[in-house]
C-alpha atoms as a PDB file:
ATOM      1  CA  MET A   1       3.681 -34.950  26.325  1.00  0.00           C
ATOM      2  CA  LEU A   2       1.197 -35.905  23.725  1.00  0.00           C
ATOM      3  CA  LYS A   3      -1.355 -34.478  25.884  1.00  0.00           C
ATOM      4  CA  LYS A   4       0.170 -31.206  26.128  1.00  0.00           C
ATOM      5  CA  ILE A   5       0.699 -31.182  22.313  1.00  0.00           C
ATOM      6  CA  ILE A   6      -3.257 -31.900  21.926  1.00  0.00           C
ATOM      7  CA  ILE A   7      -4.318 -29.117  24.437  1.00  0.00           C
ATOM      8  CA  ALA A   8      -2.122 -26.698  22.635  1.00  0.00           C
ATOM      9  CA  SER A   9      -2.964 -27.482  19.427  1.00  0.00           C
ATOM     10  CA  SER A  10      -6.847 -27.422  20.350  1.00  0.00           C
ATOM     11  CA  ILE A  11      -6.298 -23.755  21.852  1.00  0.00           C
ATOM     12  CA  LEU A  12      -4.805 -22.805  18.631  1.00  0.00           C
ATOM     13  CA  ILE A  13      -7.298 -24.187  16.337  1.00  0.00           C
ATOM     14  CA  LEU A  14     -10.214 -22.758  18.692  1.00  0.00           C
ATOM     15  CA  THR A  15      -8.461 -19.202  18.620  1.00  0.00           C
ATOM     16  CA  THR A  16      -7.926 -19.432  14.881  1.00  0.00           C
ATOM     17  CA  GLY A  17     -11.310 -20.226  14.214  1.00  0.00           C
ATOM     18  CA  VAL A  18     -12.425 -17.291  16.171  1.00  0.00           C
ATOM     19  CA  ALA A  19     -10.210 -14.860  14.188  1.00  0.00           C
ATOM     20  CA  VAL A  20     -11.282 -16.263  10.847  1.00  0.00           C
ATOM     21  CA  ALA A  21     -14.837 -15.905  11.712  1.00  0.00           C
ATOM     22  CA  ASN A  22     -14.616 -12.159  11.765  1.00  0.00           C
ATOM     23  CA  THR A  23     -12.906 -11.982   8.533  1.00  0.00           C
ATOM     24  CA  SER A  24     -13.846 -11.202   4.725  1.00  0.00           C
ATOM     25  CA  PRO A  25     -12.428 -10.494   1.400  1.00  0.00           C
ATOM     26  CA  TYR A  26     -12.917  -6.914  -0.054  1.00  0.00           C
ATOM     27  CA  ILE A  27     -11.811  -4.926  -3.129  1.00  0.00           C
ATOM     28  CA  GLY A  28     -11.415  -1.388  -4.116  1.00  0.00           C
ATOM     29  CA  ALA A  29     -10.224   1.200  -6.154  1.00  0.00           C
ATOM     30  CA  GLY A  30      -8.425   4.671  -5.584  1.00  0.00           C
ATOM     31  CA  LEU A  31      -7.412   7.982  -6.881  1.00  0.00           C
ATOM     32  CA  GLY A  32      -4.542   9.907  -5.644  1.00  0.00           C
ATOM     33  CA  ILE A  33      -1.816  12.445  -5.671  1.00  0.00           C
ATOM     34  CA  THR A  34       1.616  11.433  -5.972  1.00  0.00           C
ATOM     35  CA  ALA A  35       4.864  13.641  -5.304  1.00  0.00           C
ATOM     36  CA  ASN A  36       8.187  11.585  -6.447  1.00  0.00           C
ATOM     37  CA  THR A  37      11.531  13.273  -5.644  1.00  0.00           C
ATOM     38  CA  ALA A  38      15.421  11.707  -5.893  1.00  0.00           C
ATOM     39  CA  ASN A  39      18.147  12.504  -3.845  1.00  0.00           C
ATOM     40  CA  ASN A  40      16.459  15.606  -2.079  1.00  0.00           C
ATOM     41  CA  GLN A  41      15.243  17.137  -5.299  1.00  0.00           C
ATOM     42  CA  LEU A  42      18.882  17.306  -6.907  1.00  0.00           C
ATOM     43  CA  TYR A  43      17.333  15.513  -9.895  1.00  0.00           C
ATOM     44  CA  GLY A  44      14.118  17.197  -9.673  1.00  0.00           C
ATOM     45  CA  SER A  45      10.557  16.174  -9.007  1.00  0.00           C
ATOM     46  CA  TYR A  46       7.393  14.645 -10.648  1.00  0.00           C
ATOM     47  CA  ARG A  47       3.687  15.132  -9.550  1.00  0.00           C
ATOM     48  CA  GLY A  48       0.949  12.551 -10.897  1.00  0.00           C
ATOM     49  CA  VAL A  49      -2.386  11.056 -10.524  1.00  0.00           C
ATOM     50  CA  PRO A  50      -2.295   7.207 -10.005  1.00  0.00           C
ATOM     51  CA  LEU A  51      -5.269   5.105 -10.235  1.00  0.00           C
ATOM     52  CA  SER A  52      -5.049   2.037  -8.242  1.00  0.00           C
ATOM     53  CA  VAL A  53      -6.901  -1.129  -7.836  1.00  0.00           C
ATOM     54  CA  PHE A  54      -6.603  -3.478  -4.641  1.00  0.00           C
ATOM     55  CA  ALA A  55      -7.832  -6.854  -3.381  1.00  0.00           C
ATOM     56  CA  GLY A  56      -7.657  -7.965   0.289  1.00  0.00           C
ATOM     57  CA  TYR A  57      -8.716 -10.278   3.240  1.00  0.00           C
ATOM     58  CA  GLY A  58      -8.946  -8.606   6.589  1.00  0.00           C
ATOM     59  CA  GLY A  59     -11.402  -8.170   9.736  1.00  0.00           C
ATOM     60  CA  VAL A  60     -11.425  -7.746  13.531  1.00  0.00           C
ATOM     61  CA  VAL A  61      -9.346 -10.538  15.094  1.00  0.00           C
ATOM     62  CA  SER A  62      -9.729  -9.282  18.746  1.00  0.00           C
ATOM     63  CA  GLN A  63     -11.964  -7.189  20.700  1.00  0.00           C
ATOM     64  CA  ASN A  64     -10.788  -3.625  18.559  1.00  0.00           C
ATOM     65  CA  PHE A  65      -7.753  -4.930  16.754  1.00  0.00           C
ATOM     66  CA  TYR A  66      -7.990  -5.159  12.958  1.00  0.00           C
ATOM     67  CA  LEU A  67      -5.646  -7.049  10.647  1.00  0.00           C
ATOM     68  CA  ALA A  68      -5.630  -7.556   6.755  1.00  0.00           C
ATOM     69  CA  GLY A  69      -3.474  -8.749   4.032  1.00  0.00           C
ATOM     70  CA  GLU A  70      -3.508  -6.436   0.543  1.00  0.00           C
ATOM     71  CA  LEU A  71      -2.490  -6.794  -3.005  1.00  0.00           C
ATOM     72  CA  THR A  72      -2.345  -3.646  -4.908  1.00  0.00           C
ATOM     73  CA  GLY A  73      -1.789  -2.897  -8.307  1.00  0.00           C
ATOM     74  CA  THR A  74      -1.333   0.871  -9.955  1.00  0.00           C
ATOM     75  CA  ILE A  75      -3.006   0.716 -13.466  1.00  0.00           C
ATOM     76  CA  GLY A  76      -1.402   3.917 -14.478  1.00  0.00           C
ATOM     77  CA  THR A  77      -0.371   7.552 -13.343  1.00  0.00           C
ATOM     78  CA  GLY A  78      -1.548  10.601 -15.215  1.00  0.00           C
ATOM     79  CA  GLU A  79       1.169  13.335 -15.455  1.00  0.00           C
ATOM     80  CA  ILE A  80       0.830  16.783 -13.469  1.00  0.00           C
ATOM     81  CA  SER A  81       3.842  18.066 -13.792  1.00  0.00           C
ATOM     82  CA  ASN A  82       7.635  16.532 -14.701  1.00  0.00           C
ATOM     83  CA  GLN A  83      10.603  18.380 -13.848  1.00  0.00           C
ATOM     84  CA  GLY A  84      12.992  15.733 -13.107  1.00  0.00           C
ATOM     85  CA  VAL A  85      13.958  11.861 -13.374  1.00  0.00           C
ATOM     86  CA  VAL A  86      11.467   9.963 -11.477  1.00  0.00           C
ATOM     87  CA  LYS A  87       8.228   9.609 -13.576  1.00  0.00           C
ATOM     88  CA  THR A  88       6.328   6.550 -12.450  1.00  0.00           C
ATOM     89  CA  SER A  89       3.578   4.724 -14.457  1.00  0.00           C
ATOM     90  CA  TYR A  90       2.557   1.431 -13.256  1.00  0.00           C
ATOM     91  CA  GLY A  91       3.159  -1.143 -10.363  1.00  0.00           C
ATOM     92  CA  TYR A  92       2.027  -3.888  -7.791  1.00  0.00           C
ATOM     93  CA  GLY A  93       2.659  -4.536  -4.452  1.00  0.00           C
ATOM     94  CA  GLY A  94       1.600  -6.421  -1.098  1.00  0.00           C
ATOM     95  CA  SER A  95       1.157  -4.994   2.502  1.00  0.00           C
ATOM     96  CA  VAL A  96       0.251  -6.104   5.970  1.00  0.00           C
ATOM     97  CA  ILE A  97      -2.668  -3.505   7.248  1.00  0.00           C
ATOM     98  CA  PRO A  98      -3.041  -3.654  11.231  1.00  0.00           C
ATOM     99  CA  GLY A  99      -5.467  -1.227  12.552  1.00  0.00           C
ATOM    100  CA  VAL A 100      -7.397  -0.081  15.573  1.00  0.00           C
ATOM    101  CA  LEU A 101     -11.443   0.373  15.612  1.00  0.00           C
ATOM    102  CA  LEU A 102     -12.413   3.941  16.680  1.00  0.00           C
ATOM    103  CA  SER A 103     -15.989   3.163  16.794  1.00  0.00           C
ATOM    104  CA  ASP A 104     -18.184   0.611  15.146  1.00  0.00           C
ATOM    105  CA  HIS A 105     -17.881   2.090  11.716  1.00  0.00           C
ATOM    106  CA  THR A 106     -14.526   3.730  11.714  1.00  0.00           C
ATOM    107  CA  LEU A 107     -10.843   2.142  11.543  1.00  0.00           C
ATOM    108  CA  ALA A 108      -7.447   3.912  11.991  1.00  0.00           C
ATOM    109  CA  PHE A 109      -4.865   1.919  10.515  1.00  0.00           C
ATOM    110  CA  ALA A 110      -1.193   1.541   9.408  1.00  0.00           C
ATOM    111  CA  ARG A 111       0.408   0.111   6.146  1.00  0.00           C
ATOM    112  CA  VAL A 112       3.640  -1.927   5.974  1.00  0.00           C
ATOM    113  CA  GLY A 113       4.415  -3.213   2.573  1.00  0.00           C
ATOM    114  CA  VAL A 114       6.516  -3.821  -0.325  1.00  0.00           C
ATOM    115  CA  VAL A 115       6.127  -2.367  -3.823  1.00  0.00           C
ATOM    116  CA  ARG A 116       7.418  -2.569  -7.412  1.00  0.00           C
ATOM    117  CA  THR A 117       7.083   0.581  -9.546  1.00  0.00           C
ATOM    118  CA  HIS A 118       7.959   0.932 -13.050  1.00  0.00           C
ATOM    119  CA  PHE A 119       9.977   4.242 -13.993  1.00  0.00           C
ATOM    120  CA  PRO A 120       9.363   4.482 -17.817  1.00  0.00           C
ATOM    121  CA  GLN A 121      12.236   7.082 -18.355  1.00  0.00           C
ATOM    122  CA  VAL A 122      14.986   7.609 -15.944  1.00  0.00           C
ATOM    123  CA  ASN A 123      17.441  10.571 -16.925  1.00  0.00           C
ATOM    124  CA  LEU A 124      20.606  10.562 -15.020  1.00  0.00           C
ATOM    125  CA  GLN A 125      22.453  13.600 -16.864  1.00  0.00           C
ATOM    126  CA  THR A 126      22.800  12.396 -20.586  1.00  0.00           C
ATOM    127  CA  ILE A 127      21.958   8.603 -19.630  1.00  0.00           C
ATOM    128  CA  SER A 128      18.152   7.660 -20.266  1.00  0.00           C
ATOM    129  CA  THR A 129      16.992   4.360 -19.407  1.00  0.00           C
ATOM    130  CA  SER A 130      13.715   2.707 -18.095  1.00  0.00           C
ATOM    131  CA  ARG A 131      13.565   0.594 -14.670  1.00  0.00           C
ATOM    132  CA  ASN A 132      11.557  -1.641 -12.303  1.00  0.00           C
ATOM    133  CA  GLN A 133      12.363  -0.432  -8.908  1.00  0.00           C
ATOM    134  CA  THR A 134      11.500  -2.052  -5.326  1.00  0.00           C
ATOM    135  CA  GLY A 135      10.497  -0.050  -2.356  1.00  0.00           C
ATOM    136  CA  GLY A 136       9.373  -0.317   1.153  1.00  0.00           C
ATOM    137  CA  GLN A 137       5.896   1.343   1.758  1.00  0.00           C
ATOM    138  CA  PHE A 138       4.690   2.825   5.042  1.00  0.00           C
ATOM    139  CA  GLY A 139       1.555   4.313   5.729  1.00  0.00           C
ATOM    140  CA  LEU A 140      -1.377   5.535   7.879  1.00  0.00           C
ATOM    141  CA  GLY A 141      -5.245   6.040   7.088  1.00  0.00           C
ATOM    142  CA  LEU A 142      -8.717   6.314   8.200  1.00  0.00           C
ATOM    143  CA  GLN A 143     -11.591   3.959   6.579  1.00  0.00           C
ATOM    144  CA  THR A 144     -15.144   4.659   7.685  1.00  0.00           C
ATOM    145  CA  SER A 145     -18.489   2.997   6.456  1.00  0.00           C
ATOM    146  CA  LEU A 146     -20.730   4.480   3.980  1.00  0.00           C
ATOM    147  CA  THR A 147     -23.284   1.823   3.567  1.00  0.00           C
ATOM    148  CA  GLN A 148     -23.047  -1.840   5.200  1.00  0.00           C
ATOM    149  CA  ASN A 149     -20.798  -2.899   2.355  1.00  0.00           C
ATOM    150  CA  VAL A 150     -19.052   0.131   1.098  1.00  0.00           C
ATOM    151  CA  ASP A 151     -16.438   1.946   2.945  1.00  0.00           C
ATOM    152  CA  VAL A 152     -14.504   5.210   2.066  1.00  0.00           C
ATOM    153  CA  ARG A 153     -10.808   5.512   2.698  1.00  0.00           C
ATOM    154  CA  GLY A 154      -8.323   7.845   3.023  1.00  0.00           C
ATOM    155  CA  GLU A 155      -4.440   7.128   3.280  1.00  0.00           C
ATOM    156  CA  TYR A 156      -1.227   8.875   2.975  1.00  0.00           C
ATOM    157  CA  ASP A 157       1.801   6.574   2.046  1.00  0.00           C
ATOM    158  CA  PHE A 158       5.609   6.970   1.938  1.00  0.00           C
ATOM    159  CA  ILE A 159       7.677   4.702  -0.468  1.00  0.00           C
ATOM    160  CA  ALA A 160      11.435   4.591  -0.498  1.00  0.00           C
ATOM    161  CA  TYR A 161      13.038   2.995  -3.552  1.00  0.00           C
ATOM    162  CA  ARG A 162      16.307   1.165  -3.964  1.00  0.00           C
ATOM    163  CA  SER A 163      18.961   3.510  -5.905  1.00  0.00           C
ATOM    164  CA  ILE A 164      18.808   3.638  -9.435  1.00  0.00           C
ATOM    165  CA  ASN A 165      22.053   3.574 -11.238  1.00  0.00           C
ATOM    166  CA  ALA A 166      22.876   4.545 -14.603  1.00  0.00           C
ATOM    167  CA  GLY A 167      26.650   5.316 -15.539  1.00  0.00           C
ATOM    168  CA  ASN A 168      28.303   7.016 -12.964  1.00  0.00           C
ATOM    169  CA  PHE A 169      25.122   8.602 -11.682  1.00  0.00           C
ATOM    170  CA  SER A 170      22.759   7.304  -9.038  1.00  0.00           C
ATOM    171  CA  SER A 171      19.189   8.388  -7.835  1.00  0.00           C
ATOM    172  CA  ASN A 172      17.261   7.506  -4.796  1.00  0.00           C
ATOM    173  CA  PRO A 173      13.596   7.913  -5.601  1.00  0.00           C
ATOM    174  CA  ARG A 174      11.017   8.557  -2.722  1.00  0.00           C
ATOM    175  CA  SER A 175       7.232   8.986  -3.284  1.00  0.00           C
ATOM    176  CA  ASP A 176       4.718  10.693  -1.047  1.00  0.00           C
ATOM    177  CA  VAL A 177       1.224   9.254  -2.039  1.00  0.00           C
ATOM    178  CA  ALA A 178      -2.275  10.562  -0.704  1.00  0.00           C
ATOM    179  CA  THR A 179      -4.992   8.627  -1.865  1.00  0.00           C
ATOM    180  CA  ALA A 180      -8.846   8.341  -1.572  1.00  0.00           C
ATOM    181  CA  SER A 181     -10.674   4.896  -2.319  1.00  0.00           C
ATOM    182  CA  LEU A 182     -14.103   3.191  -2.227  1.00  0.00           C
ATOM    183  CA  VAL A 183     -13.770  -0.208  -0.643  1.00  0.00           C
ATOM    184  CA  TYR A 184     -16.516  -3.182  -1.323  1.00  0.00           C
ATOM    185  CA  LYS A 185     -16.449  -5.705   1.656  1.00  0.00           C
ATOM    186  CA  PHE A 186     -18.013  -9.299   0.760  1.00  0.00           C
ATOM    187  CA  GLU A 187     -19.967 -10.260   4.045  1.00  0.00           C
END
């Protein structure tokens, strides 16, 4: 029994060592366009330009499979138009990013995460309030190398937030976000 545990542990350690050897930390910043709606536009819409920063740790863990963990913060959102109740300002989140290498320099990836966003003013009929809401984030993107340590990333994310309730009214905010980012990899 002890021999089986030692063999299984050795295989796990050796496999983990190979995966960790190909990974590295990275940081980045992005600028995007967001379109927020609530209840299928029943309460209007909001369009803004979010500025975000992120830090992660990831890399190729097997032949062409990429895996990363990332923490993201939206510093602020510039307003383009506001015709409703779903303005967002800042937020933070964490996500897992699995991907596939399409070539030596290009990565296609998905994003699954959780975000916490500040809605500075939620107007539901005559009730006005400020809320922080948690949402599920799902996205797709491409990342390609510009230089050895700098990549450019394009991404689309969909965020579904929990319901915002004020008085007898409720809103189900949703966000569509397209972002272009620069990534610096520490190798």
